[in-house]
Amino acid sequence: MQNGNAVPRTPAFNLASWASSLTFTDLPSDVVSRIKSFYLDWLASALAGRSHISVTSMVNLIKTQGPTKGKCEIVGFPDLTTSPIFAALVNGASSHVVEQDDLHNSSMMHPATVVFPAALAVAQETGATGKDIIVVGYEFACRFGERLGKSYYELNHYALDQKFHTTATAGIIGAAAASSYLLGHDASTMLSAVGTAGTQAAGLWQFLLNATHSKQVHTAKAASDGVLFAYLAGSGLLGPQDILEGDRGMVATLSPTQGRDSEPSIVDKAWAEEIKAVDIATVEALTYKSAIAILSLSEKAETVHQSKFSMGFVLAVAAHRGSAKITDFTEEALLDQDLRQFQKKVKMTLDEKIENEFPERWLGRVIVVTRTGQRIEREVDVVKGDPG
């Protein structure tokens, strides 16, 4: 019990109590198998994003601020090792560059890109095993994200006030919990780490309107700050005990009523008919409110990053190239007038059925009308690669 103080048995404490006492042997075999696949997915994403400016700028910071010789590895930079905080920072950024990291439906967040950088860094610093890395973090973050609810994530189509990026805000909670577990903390100490992390939860969506690199900073800081607050809690720093449910906690402050991820399903179904792009007159993508709000911010697709969040541009790529791969989103593609002309044919429409199912299910529906008037309509109930 941290500093000998009695800890109230809040929902946050109950979660910390459960997590701090969990062991690898408590995990079902199918959970272990699934989390290992998530780790491989995260590692591949980090490798793919290692040359992005958000990553190289952080690497340059390490080279000037140090340490450059530590116990913690930076994915994709075999000659550079550093402290847990810096390692979590860089690996948190690189794994969120190519937008292929995993998604948890009901919490509406990408847990791997914040939990694994923190867990790997602390594990390497402390000499923990691979089994230890996967025990705590994922579920902790996702449960916080679920409690924050749908309204927390959603963007009002006309305003951006008080709307936050769940991967960053709930992600820092998972990073702190994972780090605290690997440091061997008891429930009250873990709760302090999580509590302080919650007071620092941040991540505004304004980056999506501009050609910025801030999205990677969200995950980088969530991962590294989770590590920081776990170490500080271990040194006696007390955090709020009811950060989730308190009157000025995360739910009350950030979630007043309580993505992009539908694109792949639409892409897969829309072009299964092998329709030629030149023969298509219009495309209507029916989806949920959050997807319309988020993707509308990037609809002009002025940068490579924005092009990945533009429904019109993604479907233009799919129509002309038969699929939409990571390597299709380039500066050259932005200048392709065929893609730009097709982009104008696409519109997004709110579908009440899809909206009501979200976020537990991320459905996709598309209506394609050809130049001859043929109407082709397809739906997808389970998106390819959907972990939920």
Protein backbone atom coordinates (compact mmCIF):
# COMPACT_ATOMS: atom_id res chain seq x y z
CA MET A 1 0.00 0.00 0.00
CA GLN A 2 1.72 3.18 -1.22
CA ASN A 3 2.89 5.43 1.62
CA GLY A 4 0.68 3.48 4.02
CA ASN A 5 -2.46 5.36 2.97
CA ALA A 6 -5.78 3.55 2.74
CA VAL A 7 -6.97 3.31 -0.84
CA PRO A 8 -10.71 3.65 -1.56
CA ARG A 9 -12.11 0.73 -3.51
CA THR A 10 -13.17 2.65 -6.58
CA PRO A 11 -13.76 1.02 -9.98
CA ALA A 12 -10.28 2.21 -10.95
CA PHE A 13 -8.80 0.56 -7.87
CA ASN A 14 -10.63 -2.68 -8.58
CA LEU A 15 -9.13 -2.73 -12.05
CA ALA A 16 -5.64 -2.01 -10.68
CA SER A 17 -6.07 -4.69 -8.02
CA TRP A 18 -7.00 -7.25 -10.65
CA ALA A 19 -4.19 -6.23 -13.01
CA SER A 20 -1.41 -6.08 -10.42
CA SER A 21 -2.10 -9.64 -9.28
CA LEU A 22 -2.44 -11.13 -12.76
CA THR A 23 0.18 -13.60 -14.03
CA PHE A 24 0.97 -15.14 -17.39
CA THR A 25 -0.46 -18.48 -16.27
CA ASP A 26 -3.83 -16.79 -15.73
CA LEU A 27 -4.11 -16.03 -19.44
CA PRO A 28 -6.09 -18.47 -21.62
CA SER A 29 -4.08 -19.98 -24.47
CA ASP A 30 -6.23 -18.32 -27.13
CA VAL A 31 -5.60 -14.93 -25.53
CA VAL A 32 -1.85 -15.55 -25.54
CA SER A 33 -1.96 -16.55 -29.19
CA ARG A 34 -3.98 -13.48 -30.12
CA ILE A 35 -1.81 -11.02 -28.23
CA LYS A 36 1.33 -12.48 -29.82
CA SER A 37 -0.16 -11.81 -33.24
CA PHE A 38 -0.93 -8.25 -32.15
CA TYR A 39 2.69 -7.83 -31.08
CA LEU A 40 3.96 -8.99 -34.47
CA ASP A 41 1.53 -6.60 -36.13
CA TRP A 42 2.82 -3.77 -33.95
CA LEU A 43 6.45 -4.62 -34.68
CA ALA A 44 5.84 -4.64 -38.43
CA SER A 45 4.08 -1.28 -38.19
CA ALA A 46 7.00 0.19 -36.25
CA LEU A 47 9.49 -1.05 -38.84
CA ALA A 48 7.40 0.37 -41.66
CA GLY A 49 7.24 3.78 -40.00
CA ARG A 50 10.87 4.14 -38.96
CA SER A 51 11.84 6.65 -41.68
CA HIS A 52 8.97 9.09 -41.04
CA ILE A 53 9.94 12.60 -39.96
CA SER A 54 8.15 12.23 -36.63
CA VAL A 55 10.44 9.29 -35.86
CA THR A 56 13.71 10.64 -37.22
CA SER A 57 13.21 13.94 -35.39
CA MET A 58 12.87 12.02 -32.12
CA VAL A 59 15.91 9.90 -32.93
CA ASN A 60 17.89 13.09 -33.54
CA LEU A 61 16.72 14.36 -30.16
CA ILE A 62 18.05 11.23 -28.49
CA LYS A 63 21.38 11.64 -30.24
CA THR A 64 21.76 15.15 -28.83
CA GLN A 65 20.07 14.71 -25.44
CA GLY A 66 20.92 11.07 -24.74
CA PRO A 67 21.44 8.53 -23.54
CA THR A 68 22.56 6.82 -26.72
CA LYS A 69 23.75 3.71 -24.93
CA GLY A 70 21.15 2.08 -22.75
CA LYS A 71 19.25 -1.15 -22.34
CA CYS A 72 16.24 -0.23 -24.45
CA GLU A 73 16.04 -0.76 -28.20
CA ILE A 74 14.52 1.49 -30.82
CA VAL A 75 12.81 -0.54 -33.54
CA GLY A 76 14.59 -0.10 -36.85
CA PHE A 77 17.70 1.52 -35.35
CA PRO A 78 19.93 -1.40 -34.27
CA ASP A 79 22.92 0.80 -33.39
CA LEU A 80 20.99 3.05 -31.02
CA THR A 81 19.83 2.12 -27.52
CA THR A 82 18.52 4.49 -24.88
CA SER A 83 16.40 4.96 -21.75
CA PRO A 84 12.91 3.49 -21.28
CA ILE A 85 11.23 6.87 -21.68
CA PHE A 86 13.00 7.74 -24.94
CA ALA A 87 12.58 4.24 -26.35
CA ALA A 88 8.85 4.27 -25.65
CA LEU A 89 8.63 7.72 -27.24
CA VAL A 90 10.17 6.71 -30.57
CA ASN A 91 8.56 3.28 -30.81
CA GLY A 92 5.20 4.83 -29.98
CA ALA A 93 5.58 7.21 -32.91
CA SER A 94 6.92 4.76 -35.51
CA SER A 95 4.19 2.19 -34.95
CA HIS A 96 1.43 4.72 -35.69
CA VAL A 97 2.77 6.07 -39.00
CA VAL A 98 1.37 3.71 -41.63
CA GLU A 99 -2.05 3.38 -39.95
CA GLN A 100 -1.92 -0.43 -39.95
CA ASP A 101 -1.76 -0.97 -36.18
CA ASP A 102 -4.57 -2.91 -34.56
CA LEU A 103 -7.92 -1.52 -33.48
CA HIS A 104 -10.18 -2.42 -30.56
CA ASN A 105 -13.75 -1.78 -31.63
CA SER A 106 -15.73 -0.94 -28.52
CA SER A 107 -13.05 1.31 -26.99
CA MET A 108 -12.34 2.90 -30.39
CA MET A 109 -8.59 2.91 -29.88
CA HIS A 110 -5.35 1.41 -31.19
CA PRO A 111 -3.89 -0.22 -28.06
CA ALA A 112 -0.69 -1.73 -29.46
CA THR A 113 0.93 1.54 -30.47
CA VAL A 114 0.89 2.83 -26.88
CA VAL A 115 0.99 -0.31 -24.74
CA PHE A 116 3.76 -2.29 -26.46
CA PRO A 117 6.32 0.55 -26.71
CA ALA A 118 5.98 1.16 -22.98
CA ALA A 119 5.98 -2.51 -22.02
CA LEU A 120 8.96 -3.39 -24.22
CA ALA A 121 11.03 -0.49 -22.91
CA VAL A 122 10.42 -1.26 -19.23
CA ALA A 123 10.89 -4.98 -19.80
CA GLN A 124 14.27 -4.41 -21.42
CA GLU A 125 15.32 -2.06 -18.64
CA THR A 126 14.29 -4.47 -15.88
CA GLY A 127 15.14 -7.77 -17.56
CA ALA A 128 11.54 -8.98 -17.67
CA THR A 129 10.52 -11.75 -20.05
CA GLY A 130 8.40 -11.75 -23.17
CA LYS A 131 5.67 -13.46 -21.17
CA ASP A 132 5.65 -10.54 -18.73
CA ILE A 133 5.22 -8.00 -21.54
CA ILE A 134 1.83 -9.25 -22.63
CA VAL A 135 0.11 -9.73 -19.26
CA VAL A 136 -1.11 -6.20 -18.43
CA GLY A 137 -1.85 -3.15 -20.54
CA TYR A 138 -4.17 -4.07 -23.38
CA GLU A 139 -7.29 -4.82 -21.38
CA PHE A 140 -6.59 -2.01 -18.93
CA ALA A 141 -6.50 0.56 -21.73
CA CYS A 142 -9.49 -0.88 -23.57
CA ARG A 143 -11.66 -0.97 -20.46
CA PHE A 144 -10.92 2.68 -19.80
CA GLY A 145 -11.71 3.47 -23.43
CA GLU A 146 -14.99 1.57 -23.23
CA ARG A 147 -15.99 3.43 -20.08
CA LEU A 148 -15.32 6.78 -21.72
CA GLY A 149 -17.87 5.78 -24.31
CA LYS A 150 -18.85 6.65 -27.84
CA SER A 151 -19.49 10.37 -27.28
CA TYR A 152 -15.91 10.82 -26.09
CA TYR A 153 -14.48 9.74 -29.43
CA GLU A 154 -17.01 11.27 -31.76
CA LEU A 155 -16.39 14.51 -33.57
CA ASN A 156 -19.29 16.85 -34.02
CA HIS A 157 -19.39 17.54 -37.74
CA TYR A 158 -19.35 21.29 -37.17
CA ALA A 159 -17.21 21.72 -34.08
CA LEU A 160 -14.04 20.32 -32.61
CA ASP A 161 -14.46 21.44 -29.01
CA GLN A 162 -13.85 18.89 -26.26
CA LYS A 163 -13.32 15.97 -28.59
CA PHE A 164 -10.29 13.79 -28.07
CA HIS A 165 -8.17 11.06 -29.63
CA THR A 166 -8.89 7.95 -27.57
CA THR A 167 -5.70 6.15 -28.57
CA ALA A 168 -3.75 8.89 -26.81
CA THR A 169 -6.00 9.57 -23.85
CA ALA A 170 -6.96 6.02 -22.91
CA GLY A 171 -3.67 4.75 -24.28
CA ILE A 172 -1.60 6.53 -21.66
CA ILE A 173 -3.60 4.60 -19.04
CA GLY A 174 -2.65 1.27 -20.61
CA ALA A 175 0.98 2.33 -20.93
CA ALA A 176 1.13 3.33 -17.27
CA ALA A 177 -0.53 0.10 -16.14
CA ALA A 178 1.78 -2.08 -18.25
CA SER A 179 4.86 -0.23 -17.02
CA SER A 180 3.73 -0.37 -13.40
CA TYR A 181 3.10 -4.11 -13.65
CA LEU A 182 6.56 -4.74 -15.09
CA LEU A 183 8.07 -2.71 -12.25
CA GLY A 184 6.38 -5.05 -9.76
CA HIS A 185 4.03 -2.51 -8.21
CA ASP A 186 1.12 -3.36 -5.96
CA ALA A 187 -2.42 -2.19 -6.69
CA SER A 188 -2.21 1.16 -4.89
CA THR A 189 1.07 2.08 -6.59
CA MET A 190 -0.31 1.07 -9.98
CA LEU A 191 -3.37 3.19 -9.27
CA SER A 192 -1.13 6.18 -8.56
CA ALA A 193 0.67 5.65 -11.86
CA VAL A 194 -2.62 5.36 -13.71
CA GLY A 195 -4.13 8.29 -11.81
CA THR A 196 -1.31 10.68 -12.65
CA ALA A 197 -1.36 9.45 -16.24
CA GLY A 198 -5.06 10.26 -16.41
CA THR A 199 -4.47 13.83 -15.30
CA GLN A 200 -2.14 14.21 -18.28
CA ALA A 201 -4.36 12.45 -20.85
CA ALA A 202 -4.41 14.51 -24.03
CA GLY A 203 -4.89 14.31 -27.77
CA LEU A 204 -6.84 16.82 -29.86
CA TRP A 205 -7.99 16.08 -33.42
CA GLN A 206 -6.91 19.43 -34.87
CA PHE A 207 -3.89 17.77 -36.47
CA LEU A 208 -6.16 16.16 -39.04
CA LEU A 209 -7.02 19.51 -40.61
CA ASN A 210 -3.40 20.42 -41.30
CA ALA A 211 -0.27 18.90 -42.80
CA THR A 212 1.26 18.00 -39.44
CA HIS A 213 2.96 15.10 -37.71
CA SER A 214 1.16 15.50 -34.39
CA LYS A 215 -0.80 12.25 -34.58
CA GLN A 216 2.41 10.26 -34.05
CA VAL A 217 3.30 12.54 -31.14
CA HIS A 218 0.01 11.56 -29.49
CA THR A 219 0.98 7.89 -29.31
CA ALA A 220 4.63 8.63 -28.60
CA LYS A 221 3.86 10.82 -25.61
CA ALA A 222 1.16 8.48 -24.31
CA ALA A 223 3.64 5.60 -24.30
CA SER A 224 6.57 7.52 -22.84
CA ASP A 225 4.48 9.37 -20.24
CA GLY A 226 2.98 6.07 -19.12
CA VAL A 227 6.52 4.86 -18.45
CA LEU A 228 7.43 8.09 -16.66
CA PHE A 229 4.46 8.05 -14.31
CA ALA A 230 4.98 4.40 -13.43
CA TYR A 231 8.56 5.11 -12.39
CA LEU A 232 7.46 8.18 -10.42
CA ALA A 233 4.73 6.22 -8.64
CA GLY A 234 7.33 3.65 -7.70
CA SER A 235 9.32 6.46 -6.09
CA GLY A 236 6.36 7.50 -3.97
CA LEU A 237 4.52 10.02 -6.13
CA LEU A 238 0.80 9.80 -5.36
CA GLY A 239 -1.83 10.08 -8.08
CA PRO A 240 -5.61 10.48 -7.83
CA GLN A 241 -7.36 7.29 -6.80
CA ASP A 242 -10.56 7.88 -8.77
CA ILE A 243 -9.23 9.21 -12.05
CA LEU A 244 -11.84 7.32 -14.06
CA GLU A 245 -15.03 7.98 -12.14
CA GLY A 246 -14.27 11.06 -10.00
CA ASP A 247 -16.25 14.30 -10.28
CA ARG A 248 -13.33 15.84 -12.13
CA GLY A 249 -12.02 12.59 -13.54
CA MET A 250 -11.79 11.40 -17.10
CA VAL A 251 -15.41 10.37 -17.65
CA ALA A 252 -16.91 13.53 -16.15
CA THR A 253 -14.50 15.82 -17.94
CA LEU A 254 -14.01 14.20 -21.31
CA SER A 255 -17.13 12.14 -22.01
CA PRO A 256 -20.24 14.34 -21.84
CA THR A 257 -22.86 11.65 -22.44
CA GLN A 258 -21.82 8.74 -20.69
CA GLY A 259 -12.96 6.43 -38.43
CA ARG A 260 -11.41 5.67 -41.02
CA ASP A 261 -11.58 1.98 -40.16
CA SER A 262 -14.66 1.35 -42.27
CA GLU A 263 -12.70 2.15 -45.41
CA PRO A 264 -11.11 -1.29 -45.95
CA SER A 265 -14.47 -3.06 -45.94
CA ILE A 266 -15.86 -0.66 -48.50
CA VAL A 267 -12.77 -1.00 -50.66
CA ASP A 268 -12.91 -4.80 -50.63
CA LYS A 269 -16.57 -5.01 -51.55
CA ALA A 270 -16.80 -2.14 -54.00
CA TRP A 271 -14.30 -3.50 -56.45
CA ALA A 272 -15.10 -7.20 -56.09
CA GLU A 273 -17.26 -6.74 -59.18
CA GLU A 274 -14.13 -5.69 -61.13
CA ILE A 275 -15.79 -2.52 -62.33
CA LYS A 276 -13.53 -0.24 -64.33
CA ALA A 277 -13.02 3.18 -62.81
CA VAL A 278 -13.90 4.92 -66.07
CA ASP A 279 -17.34 3.26 -66.06
CA ILE A 280 -18.30 4.54 -62.60
CA ALA A 281 -20.52 7.62 -62.34
CA THR A 282 -20.95 7.92 -58.56
CA VAL A 283 -19.99 6.14 -55.34
CA GLU A 284 -21.92 6.51 -52.11
CA ALA A 285 -20.22 5.23 -48.95
CA LEU A 286 -22.75 4.72 -46.16
CA THR A 287 -21.20 4.78 -42.72
CA TYR A 288 -21.42 6.03 -39.12
CA LYS A 289 -21.28 9.62 -37.87
CA SER A 290 -17.74 9.52 -36.51
CA ALA A 291 -16.36 8.27 -39.81
CA ILE A 292 -18.06 11.08 -41.71
CA ALA A 293 -16.79 13.69 -39.26
CA ILE A 294 -13.21 12.44 -39.17
CA LEU A 295 -12.82 11.64 -42.85
CA SER A 296 -14.46 14.89 -43.93
CA LEU A 297 -11.63 16.80 -42.26
CA SER A 298 -9.17 15.27 -44.73
CA GLU A 299 -11.40 15.01 -47.77
CA LYS A 300 -9.24 17.35 -49.87
CA ALA A 301 -6.27 15.00 -49.30
CA GLU A 302 -3.62 17.70 -49.52
CA THR A 303 -0.92 15.53 -47.93
CA VAL A 304 -0.03 11.84 -47.98
CA HIS A 305 -1.26 11.46 -44.41
CA GLN A 306 -4.56 13.17 -45.19
CA SER A 307 -5.02 11.02 -48.29
CA LYS A 308 -5.22 7.94 -46.07
CA PHE A 309 -8.11 9.57 -44.20
CA SER A 310 -9.98 10.74 -47.31
CA MET A 311 -12.80 8.41 -48.33
CA GLY A 312 -12.82 9.88 -51.81
CA PHE A 313 -9.10 9.44 -52.34
CA VAL A 314 -8.99 5.93 -50.87
CA LEU A 315 -11.82 4.76 -53.12
CA ALA A 316 -10.22 6.49 -56.09
CA VAL A 317 -7.03 4.51 -55.50
CA ALA A 318 -9.00 1.29 -55.11
CA ALA A 319 -11.02 1.90 -58.26
CA HIS A 320 -8.00 2.65 -60.42
CA ARG A 321 -5.54 0.15 -58.94
CA GLY A 322 -7.81 -2.64 -57.74
CA SER A 323 -6.84 -2.23 -54.09
CA ALA A 324 -5.48 0.36 -51.68
CA LYS A 325 -2.05 -0.58 -50.29
CA ILE A 326 0.31 1.40 -48.09
CA THR A 327 2.60 1.97 -51.06
CA ASP A 328 -0.23 3.52 -53.09
CA PHE A 329 -0.34 6.63 -50.92
CA THR A 330 2.53 8.79 -52.12
CA GLU A 331 3.33 12.34 -53.22
CA GLU A 332 3.07 11.12 -56.82
CA ALA A 333 -0.41 9.75 -56.19
CA LEU A 334 -1.53 13.15 -54.92
CA LEU A 335 -0.67 14.59 -58.35
CA ASP A 336 -2.52 11.89 -60.29
CA GLN A 337 -5.39 13.70 -62.02
CA ASP A 338 -7.29 10.48 -62.67
CA LEU A 339 -7.43 9.87 -58.93
CA ARG A 340 -8.40 13.47 -58.29
CA GLN A 341 -11.25 13.36 -60.79
CA PHE A 342 -12.59 10.11 -59.36
CA GLN A 343 -12.36 11.54 -55.86
CA LYS A 344 -15.08 14.02 -56.81
CA LYS A 345 -17.49 11.15 -57.55
CA VAL A 346 -17.49 9.91 -53.95
CA LYS A 347 -19.80 11.06 -51.18
CA MET A 348 -20.38 9.80 -47.64
CA THR A 349 -23.85 9.35 -46.16
CA LEU A 350 -24.95 8.59 -42.61
CA ASP A 351 -26.61 5.18 -42.29
CA GLU A 352 -28.72 4.86 -39.14
CA LYS A 353 -28.32 1.07 -38.93
CA ILE A 354 -24.54 1.35 -39.13
CA GLU A 355 -24.55 4.24 -36.64
CA ASN A 356 -26.59 2.23 -34.14
CA GLU A 357 -24.22 -0.75 -34.38
CA PHE A 358 -21.09 1.39 -33.88
CA PRO A 359 -18.72 0.96 -32.03
CA GLU A 360 -19.36 -2.69 -31.22
CA ARG A 361 -19.51 -3.44 -34.95
CA TRP A 362 -17.82 -1.40 -37.69
CA LEU A 363 -20.02 -2.10 -40.69
CA GLY A 364 -19.53 -1.01 -44.28
CA ARG A 365 -21.98 -0.36 -47.10
CA VAL A 366 -21.38 1.06 -50.56
CA ILE A 367 -23.56 1.96 -53.54
CA VAL A 368 -21.90 2.24 -56.95
CA VAL A 369 -23.78 3.65 -59.94
CA THR A 370 -22.25 3.14 -63.38
CA ARG A 371 -22.44 5.51 -66.33
CA THR A 372 -25.08 3.25 -67.88
CA GLY A 373 -27.26 3.56 -64.78
CA GLN A 374 -26.50 0.15 -63.28
CA ARG A 375 -26.72 0.25 -59.48
CA ILE A 376 -24.51 -2.10 -57.44
CA GLU A 377 -24.93 -2.23 -53.67
CA ARG A 378 -22.82 -4.26 -51.25
CA GLU A 379 -22.53 -4.58 -47.46
CA VAL A 380 -19.82 -5.94 -45.18
CA ASP A 381 -20.66 -7.10 -41.66
CA VAL A 382 -17.15 -8.09 -40.58
CA VAL A 383 -14.22 -6.10 -41.90
CA LYS A 384 -11.18 -8.07 -43.03
CA GLY A 385 -8.68 -8.09 -40.18
CA ASP A 386 -11.22 -6.86 -37.63
CA PRO A 387 -9.97 -7.94 -34.16
CA GLY A 388 -13.36 -7.35 -32.56
